[in-house]
N, C-alpha and C. Protein backbone atom coordinates (compact mmCIF):
# COMPACT_ATOMS: atom_id res chain seq x y z
N ILE A 1 -59.24 -34.30 57.15
CA ILE A 1 -57.83 -34.69 57.16
C ILE A 1 -56.99 -33.42 57.29
N ILE A 2 -55.98 -33.46 58.15
CA ILE A 2 -55.07 -32.33 58.30
C ILE A 2 -53.65 -32.81 58.09
N PHE A 3 -52.93 -32.12 57.21
CA PHE A 3 -51.52 -32.40 57.01
C PHE A 3 -50.73 -31.41 57.84
N SER A 4 -49.68 -31.87 58.50
CA SER A 4 -48.82 -30.97 59.26
C SER A 4 -47.46 -30.93 58.62
N HIS A 5 -46.91 -29.73 58.53
CA HIS A 5 -45.60 -29.54 57.90
C HIS A 5 -44.93 -28.36 58.58
N ARG A 6 -43.64 -28.37 58.70
CA ARG A 6 -42.91 -27.33 59.41
C ARG A 6 -43.19 -25.93 58.87
N PHE A 7 -43.53 -25.77 57.61
CA PHE A 7 -43.62 -24.44 57.03
C PHE A 7 -45.02 -24.07 56.57
N PHE A 8 -46.04 -24.82 56.98
CA PHE A 8 -47.41 -24.46 56.65
C PHE A 8 -47.92 -23.43 57.65
N LEU A 9 -48.97 -22.74 57.24
CA LEU A 9 -49.65 -21.80 58.13
C LEU A 9 -50.78 -22.53 58.83
N GLY A 10 -51.14 -22.08 60.01
CA GLY A 10 -52.27 -22.66 60.72
C GLY A 10 -52.04 -22.68 62.21
N GLU A 11 -52.94 -23.31 62.93
CA GLU A 11 -52.81 -23.40 64.38
C GLU A 11 -51.61 -24.26 64.74
N PRO A 12 -50.78 -23.83 65.69
CA PRO A 12 -49.63 -24.64 66.10
C PRO A 12 -50.08 -25.99 66.65
N GLN A 13 -49.42 -27.04 66.23
CA GLN A 13 -49.66 -28.38 66.74
C GLN A 13 -48.30 -29.01 66.97
N GLY A 14 -47.81 -28.97 68.20
CA GLY A 14 -46.48 -29.48 68.48
C GLY A 14 -45.46 -28.59 67.80
N ASN A 15 -44.56 -29.19 67.02
CA ASN A 15 -43.54 -28.43 66.30
C ASN A 15 -44.03 -27.98 64.93
N PHE A 16 -45.32 -28.07 64.67
CA PHE A 16 -45.84 -27.80 63.33
C PHE A 16 -46.97 -26.80 63.37
N CYS A 17 -47.21 -26.15 62.25
CA CYS A 17 -48.45 -25.43 62.02
C CYS A 17 -49.22 -26.26 61.01
N ALA A 18 -50.51 -26.36 61.18
CA ALA A 18 -51.30 -27.26 60.34
C ALA A 18 -52.05 -26.50 59.26
N LEU A 19 -52.23 -27.13 58.13
CA LEU A 19 -53.02 -26.60 57.04
C LEU A 19 -54.00 -27.69 56.64
N PRO A 20 -55.30 -27.43 56.71
CA PRO A 20 -56.26 -28.48 56.37
C PRO A 20 -56.21 -28.82 54.89
N LEU A 21 -56.69 -30.00 54.57
CA LEU A 21 -56.69 -30.47 53.18
C LEU A 21 -57.39 -29.49 52.25
N SER A 22 -58.41 -28.78 52.75
CA SER A 22 -59.14 -27.82 51.92
C SER A 22 -58.30 -26.60 51.57
N LEU A 23 -57.14 -26.44 52.20
CA LEU A 23 -56.22 -25.34 51.99
C LEU A 23 -56.72 -23.99 52.50
N SER A 24 -57.81 -24.00 53.28
CA SER A 24 -58.20 -22.74 53.91
C SER A 24 -57.31 -22.53 55.13
N LEU A 25 -56.90 -21.29 55.38
CA LEU A 25 -55.92 -21.01 56.42
C LEU A 25 -56.56 -20.89 57.78
N PHE A 26 -55.85 -21.37 58.79
CA PHE A 26 -56.21 -21.15 60.19
C PHE A 26 -55.71 -19.77 60.60
N PRO A 27 -56.07 -19.28 61.78
CA PRO A 27 -55.66 -17.94 62.22
C PRO A 27 -54.15 -17.73 62.38
N CYS A 28 -53.40 -18.75 62.70
CA CYS A 28 -51.96 -18.59 62.90
C CYS A 28 -51.30 -18.17 61.59
N GLU A 29 -50.51 -17.10 61.63
CA GLU A 29 -49.85 -16.63 60.42
C GLU A 29 -48.34 -16.62 60.57
N ARG A 30 -47.82 -17.54 61.38
CA ARG A 30 -46.38 -17.63 61.58
C ARG A 30 -45.79 -18.60 60.57
N PHE A 31 -44.61 -18.26 60.06
CA PHE A 31 -43.89 -19.16 59.18
C PHE A 31 -42.87 -19.93 59.99
N GLY A 32 -42.50 -21.09 59.50
CA GLY A 32 -41.41 -21.84 60.11
C GLY A 32 -41.84 -22.65 61.31
N PRO A 33 -40.90 -23.34 61.91
CA PRO A 33 -41.21 -24.20 63.03
C PRO A 33 -41.63 -23.41 64.26
N VAL A 34 -42.54 -23.97 65.01
CA VAL A 34 -42.98 -23.36 66.24
C VAL A 34 -42.19 -24.01 67.38
N PRO A 35 -41.27 -23.28 68.03
CA PRO A 35 -40.47 -23.91 69.07
C PRO A 35 -41.31 -24.26 70.29
N VAL A 36 -41.35 -25.53 70.61
CA VAL A 36 -42.02 -25.99 71.81
C VAL A 36 -41.16 -27.05 72.47
N PRO A 37 -41.25 -27.19 73.80
CA PRO A 37 -40.46 -28.22 74.45
C PRO A 37 -40.95 -29.61 74.03
N VAL A 38 -40.03 -30.53 73.89
CA VAL A 38 -40.38 -31.91 73.55
C VAL A 38 -40.69 -32.63 74.86
N PRO A 39 -41.87 -33.25 74.97
CA PRO A 39 -42.19 -33.95 76.22
C PRO A 39 -41.17 -35.05 76.49
N ALA A 40 -40.88 -35.26 77.77
CA ALA A 40 -39.85 -36.22 78.17
C ALA A 40 -40.10 -37.61 77.60
N MET A 41 -41.36 -38.02 77.51
CA MET A 41 -41.65 -39.37 77.05
C MET A 41 -41.33 -39.57 75.57
N SER A 42 -41.25 -38.49 74.78
CA SER A 42 -40.98 -38.65 73.36
C SER A 42 -39.52 -38.40 73.01
N GLN A 43 -38.70 -38.05 73.99
CA GLN A 43 -37.30 -37.80 73.72
C GLN A 43 -36.59 -39.11 73.41
N LYS A 44 -35.69 -39.05 72.47
CA LYS A 44 -34.92 -40.21 72.08
C LYS A 44 -33.46 -39.98 72.42
N SER A 45 -32.71 -41.06 72.45
CA SER A 45 -31.27 -41.00 72.64
C SER A 45 -30.60 -41.67 71.47
N PHE A 46 -29.48 -41.11 71.04
CA PHE A 46 -28.74 -41.63 69.89
C PHE A 46 -27.28 -41.83 70.26
N THR A 47 -26.67 -42.85 69.69
CA THR A 47 -25.23 -43.05 69.86
C THR A 47 -24.50 -42.19 68.84
N LYS A 48 -23.20 -41.98 69.05
CA LYS A 48 -22.40 -41.24 68.07
C LYS A 48 -22.43 -41.94 66.73
N ASP A 49 -22.41 -43.27 66.74
CA ASP A 49 -22.45 -44.03 65.48
C ASP A 49 -23.76 -43.80 64.73
N GLU A 50 -24.88 -43.72 65.45
CA GLU A 50 -26.17 -43.46 64.80
C GLU A 50 -26.18 -42.06 64.17
N VAL A 51 -25.69 -41.08 64.90
CA VAL A 51 -25.65 -39.71 64.39
C VAL A 51 -24.73 -39.63 63.18
N ALA A 52 -23.61 -40.34 63.21
CA ALA A 52 -22.62 -40.29 62.13
C ALA A 52 -23.20 -40.72 60.78
N LYS A 53 -24.24 -41.50 60.77
CA LYS A 53 -24.87 -41.96 59.52
C LYS A 53 -25.62 -40.84 58.80
N HIS A 54 -25.89 -39.77 59.50
CA HIS A 54 -26.69 -38.66 58.95
C HIS A 54 -25.74 -37.51 58.60
N ASN A 55 -25.00 -37.72 57.51
CA ASN A 55 -23.90 -36.81 57.17
C ASN A 55 -23.93 -36.29 55.74
N THR A 56 -25.13 -36.17 55.18
CA THR A 56 -25.26 -35.65 53.82
C THR A 56 -26.20 -34.44 53.82
N GLU A 57 -26.19 -33.69 52.76
CA GLU A 57 -27.06 -32.51 52.65
C GLU A 57 -28.53 -32.89 52.76
N GLY A 58 -28.88 -34.07 52.30
CA GLY A 58 -30.27 -34.52 52.35
C GLY A 58 -30.65 -35.21 53.64
N ASP A 59 -29.71 -35.37 54.55
CA ASP A 59 -29.95 -36.04 55.83
C ASP A 59 -28.83 -35.61 56.78
N LEU A 60 -29.00 -34.46 57.44
CA LEU A 60 -27.91 -33.83 58.16
C LEU A 60 -28.24 -33.62 59.63
N TRP A 61 -27.54 -34.38 60.49
CA TRP A 61 -27.69 -34.25 61.93
C TRP A 61 -26.38 -33.74 62.50
N VAL A 62 -26.47 -33.01 63.61
CA VAL A 62 -25.28 -32.57 64.35
C VAL A 62 -25.54 -32.75 65.84
N ILE A 63 -24.45 -32.79 66.59
CA ILE A 63 -24.50 -32.84 68.05
C ILE A 63 -23.96 -31.51 68.56
N ILE A 64 -24.72 -30.87 69.44
CA ILE A 64 -24.27 -29.63 70.07
C ILE A 64 -24.59 -29.74 71.56
N ARG A 65 -23.54 -29.68 72.36
CA ARG A 65 -23.66 -29.80 73.82
C ARG A 65 -24.48 -31.01 74.25
N GLY A 66 -24.21 -32.15 73.63
CA GLY A 66 -24.86 -33.40 74.02
C GLY A 66 -26.28 -33.58 73.53
N LYS A 67 -26.75 -32.66 72.71
CA LYS A 67 -28.10 -32.77 72.14
C LYS A 67 -27.97 -32.98 70.63
N VAL A 68 -28.90 -33.75 70.08
CA VAL A 68 -28.87 -34.09 68.66
C VAL A 68 -29.93 -33.26 67.93
N TYR A 69 -29.50 -32.67 66.81
CA TYR A 69 -30.37 -31.81 66.01
C TYR A 69 -30.39 -32.30 64.57
N ASP A 70 -31.59 -32.41 64.00
CA ASP A 70 -31.75 -32.72 62.58
C ASP A 70 -31.93 -31.38 61.86
N ILE A 71 -30.86 -30.90 61.22
CA ILE A 71 -30.89 -29.59 60.58
C ILE A 71 -31.02 -29.70 59.05
N THR A 72 -31.48 -30.85 58.59
CA THR A 72 -31.63 -31.09 57.15
C THR A 72 -32.42 -29.98 56.47
N GLN A 73 -33.52 -29.58 57.07
CA GLN A 73 -34.41 -28.58 56.47
C GLN A 73 -33.84 -27.16 56.52
N PHE A 74 -32.71 -26.99 57.21
CA PHE A 74 -32.13 -25.66 57.40
C PHE A 74 -30.94 -25.39 56.47
N THR A 75 -30.50 -26.39 55.73
CA THR A 75 -29.26 -26.25 54.95
C THR A 75 -29.30 -25.10 53.96
N GLU A 76 -30.42 -24.90 53.29
CA GLU A 76 -30.50 -23.83 52.28
C GLU A 76 -30.64 -22.45 52.92
N GLU A 77 -31.14 -22.40 54.16
CA GLU A 77 -31.35 -21.12 54.84
C GLU A 77 -30.13 -20.67 55.63
N HIS A 78 -29.20 -21.55 55.90
CA HIS A 78 -28.08 -21.23 56.78
C HIS A 78 -27.26 -20.08 56.21
N PRO A 79 -27.12 -18.98 56.96
CA PRO A 79 -26.41 -17.81 56.46
C PRO A 79 -24.94 -18.08 56.10
N GLY A 80 -24.34 -19.06 56.76
CA GLY A 80 -22.93 -19.39 56.49
C GLY A 80 -22.75 -20.38 55.36
N GLY A 81 -23.84 -20.80 54.74
CA GLY A 81 -23.77 -21.74 53.63
C GLY A 81 -23.82 -23.19 54.08
N VAL A 82 -24.01 -24.06 53.12
CA VAL A 82 -24.17 -25.48 53.42
C VAL A 82 -22.82 -26.17 53.69
N LEU A 83 -21.74 -25.66 53.13
CA LEU A 83 -20.44 -26.35 53.26
C LEU A 83 -19.99 -26.49 54.70
N ILE A 84 -20.15 -25.45 55.51
CA ILE A 84 -19.75 -25.54 56.92
C ILE A 84 -20.63 -26.54 57.66
N LEU A 85 -21.89 -26.63 57.27
CA LEU A 85 -22.77 -27.62 57.89
C LEU A 85 -22.32 -29.03 57.51
N LEU A 86 -21.96 -29.22 56.25
CA LEU A 86 -21.51 -30.54 55.80
C LEU A 86 -20.20 -30.95 56.47
N GLU A 87 -19.33 -29.98 56.75
CA GLU A 87 -18.07 -30.29 57.45
C GLU A 87 -18.33 -30.86 58.83
N ASN A 88 -19.45 -30.50 59.43
CA ASN A 88 -19.78 -30.94 60.78
C ASN A 88 -20.90 -31.97 60.83
N ALA A 89 -21.38 -32.38 59.67
CA ALA A 89 -22.50 -33.32 59.60
C ALA A 89 -22.16 -34.65 60.24
N GLY A 90 -23.07 -35.13 61.07
CA GLY A 90 -22.89 -36.41 61.73
C GLY A 90 -21.87 -36.39 62.86
N LYS A 91 -21.45 -35.20 63.28
CA LYS A 91 -20.39 -35.07 64.29
C LYS A 91 -20.82 -34.14 65.42
N ASP A 92 -19.95 -34.06 66.42
CA ASP A 92 -20.13 -33.07 67.48
C ASP A 92 -19.70 -31.72 66.92
N ALA A 93 -20.65 -30.83 66.78
CA ALA A 93 -20.39 -29.51 66.18
C ALA A 93 -20.39 -28.41 67.24
N THR A 94 -20.24 -28.77 68.50
CA THR A 94 -20.29 -27.79 69.58
C THR A 94 -19.26 -26.68 69.38
N SER A 95 -18.01 -27.06 69.16
CA SER A 95 -16.95 -26.05 69.00
C SER A 95 -17.21 -25.16 67.80
N ALA A 96 -17.58 -25.76 66.68
CA ALA A 96 -17.84 -24.98 65.46
C ALA A 96 -19.00 -24.01 65.69
N PHE A 97 -20.04 -24.47 66.38
CA PHE A 97 -21.20 -23.63 66.65
C PHE A 97 -20.82 -22.47 67.58
N ASP A 98 -20.08 -22.79 68.64
CA ASP A 98 -19.71 -21.76 69.61
C ASP A 98 -18.68 -20.78 69.06
N ASP A 99 -17.75 -21.26 68.24
CA ASP A 99 -16.68 -20.41 67.70
C ASP A 99 -17.21 -19.29 66.82
N VAL A 100 -18.34 -19.52 66.17
CA VAL A 100 -18.91 -18.52 65.27
C VAL A 100 -19.54 -17.37 66.04
N GLY A 101 -19.98 -17.65 67.25
CA GLY A 101 -20.64 -16.61 68.04
C GLY A 101 -22.06 -16.37 67.57
N HIS A 102 -22.85 -17.43 67.47
CA HIS A 102 -24.24 -17.33 67.01
C HIS A 102 -25.05 -16.40 67.92
N SER A 103 -26.00 -15.71 67.32
CA SER A 103 -26.89 -14.80 68.04
C SER A 103 -27.84 -15.57 68.94
N ASP A 104 -28.48 -14.87 69.84
CA ASP A 104 -29.48 -15.49 70.71
C ASP A 104 -30.63 -16.05 69.88
N SER A 105 -31.00 -15.36 68.81
CA SER A 105 -32.11 -15.85 67.98
C SER A 105 -31.71 -17.13 67.24
N ALA A 106 -30.45 -17.24 66.84
CA ALA A 106 -29.97 -18.47 66.19
C ALA A 106 -29.99 -19.63 67.19
N LYS A 107 -29.59 -19.35 68.42
CA LYS A 107 -29.61 -20.38 69.46
C LYS A 107 -31.05 -20.81 69.76
N GLU A 108 -31.95 -19.86 69.74
CA GLU A 108 -33.36 -20.18 69.96
C GLU A 108 -33.91 -21.00 68.79
N GLN A 109 -33.54 -20.64 67.57
CA GLN A 109 -34.00 -21.36 66.39
C GLN A 109 -33.49 -22.80 66.39
N LEU A 110 -32.28 -23.01 66.88
CA LEU A 110 -31.71 -24.34 66.95
C LEU A 110 -32.60 -25.31 67.72
N LYS A 111 -33.26 -24.80 68.76
CA LYS A 111 -34.13 -25.64 69.59
C LYS A 111 -35.22 -26.32 68.77
N SER A 112 -35.67 -25.68 67.71
CA SER A 112 -36.75 -26.25 66.91
C SER A 112 -36.31 -27.47 66.10
N PHE A 113 -34.99 -27.71 66.00
CA PHE A 113 -34.48 -28.85 65.26
C PHE A 113 -34.04 -30.00 66.17
N TYR A 114 -34.26 -29.84 67.48
CA TYR A 114 -33.86 -30.85 68.46
C TYR A 114 -34.65 -32.14 68.26
N ILE A 115 -33.93 -33.28 68.24
CA ILE A 115 -34.62 -34.57 68.09
C ILE A 115 -34.28 -35.55 69.20
N GLY A 116 -33.30 -35.24 70.05
CA GLY A 116 -32.97 -36.14 71.14
C GLY A 116 -31.62 -35.83 71.75
N ASP A 117 -31.20 -36.70 72.65
CA ASP A 117 -29.93 -36.54 73.34
C ASP A 117 -28.90 -37.55 72.86
N LEU A 118 -27.65 -37.22 73.05
CA LEU A 118 -26.55 -38.15 72.76
C LEU A 118 -26.45 -39.13 73.92
N LYS A 119 -26.41 -40.42 73.59
CA LYS A 119 -26.23 -41.43 74.64
C LYS A 119 -24.81 -41.32 75.19
N PRO A 120 -24.68 -41.47 76.52
CA PRO A 120 -23.33 -41.46 77.09
C PRO A 120 -22.49 -42.60 76.53
N ALA A 121 -21.21 -42.36 76.33
CA ALA A 121 -20.32 -43.38 75.76
C ALA A 121 -20.05 -44.49 76.74
């Protein structure tokens, strides 16, 4: 049996590194999510109303440039704090994201939280 979790060590499997039940480590020693493209067949689309339901610290989604991101697991790590994330939770956060001037590495990290696209209105 293998459990997969965003922050375990082990061989990359999709957006996860795996750690076997025996807890012996695989060769991969990277922490955090492994950014990989999401295959087209597994991409989902969400309406603004669906995204709006995910507006709490324990369930936090945002829309940035028409893409939906589940950043729930990032709230404690966010350098700007959780309050700014909560202000934009369940909403289009494109302007807020762009106005801050995020680094290239932050933009790259955002990709690992992608869960689908915003459905056209």
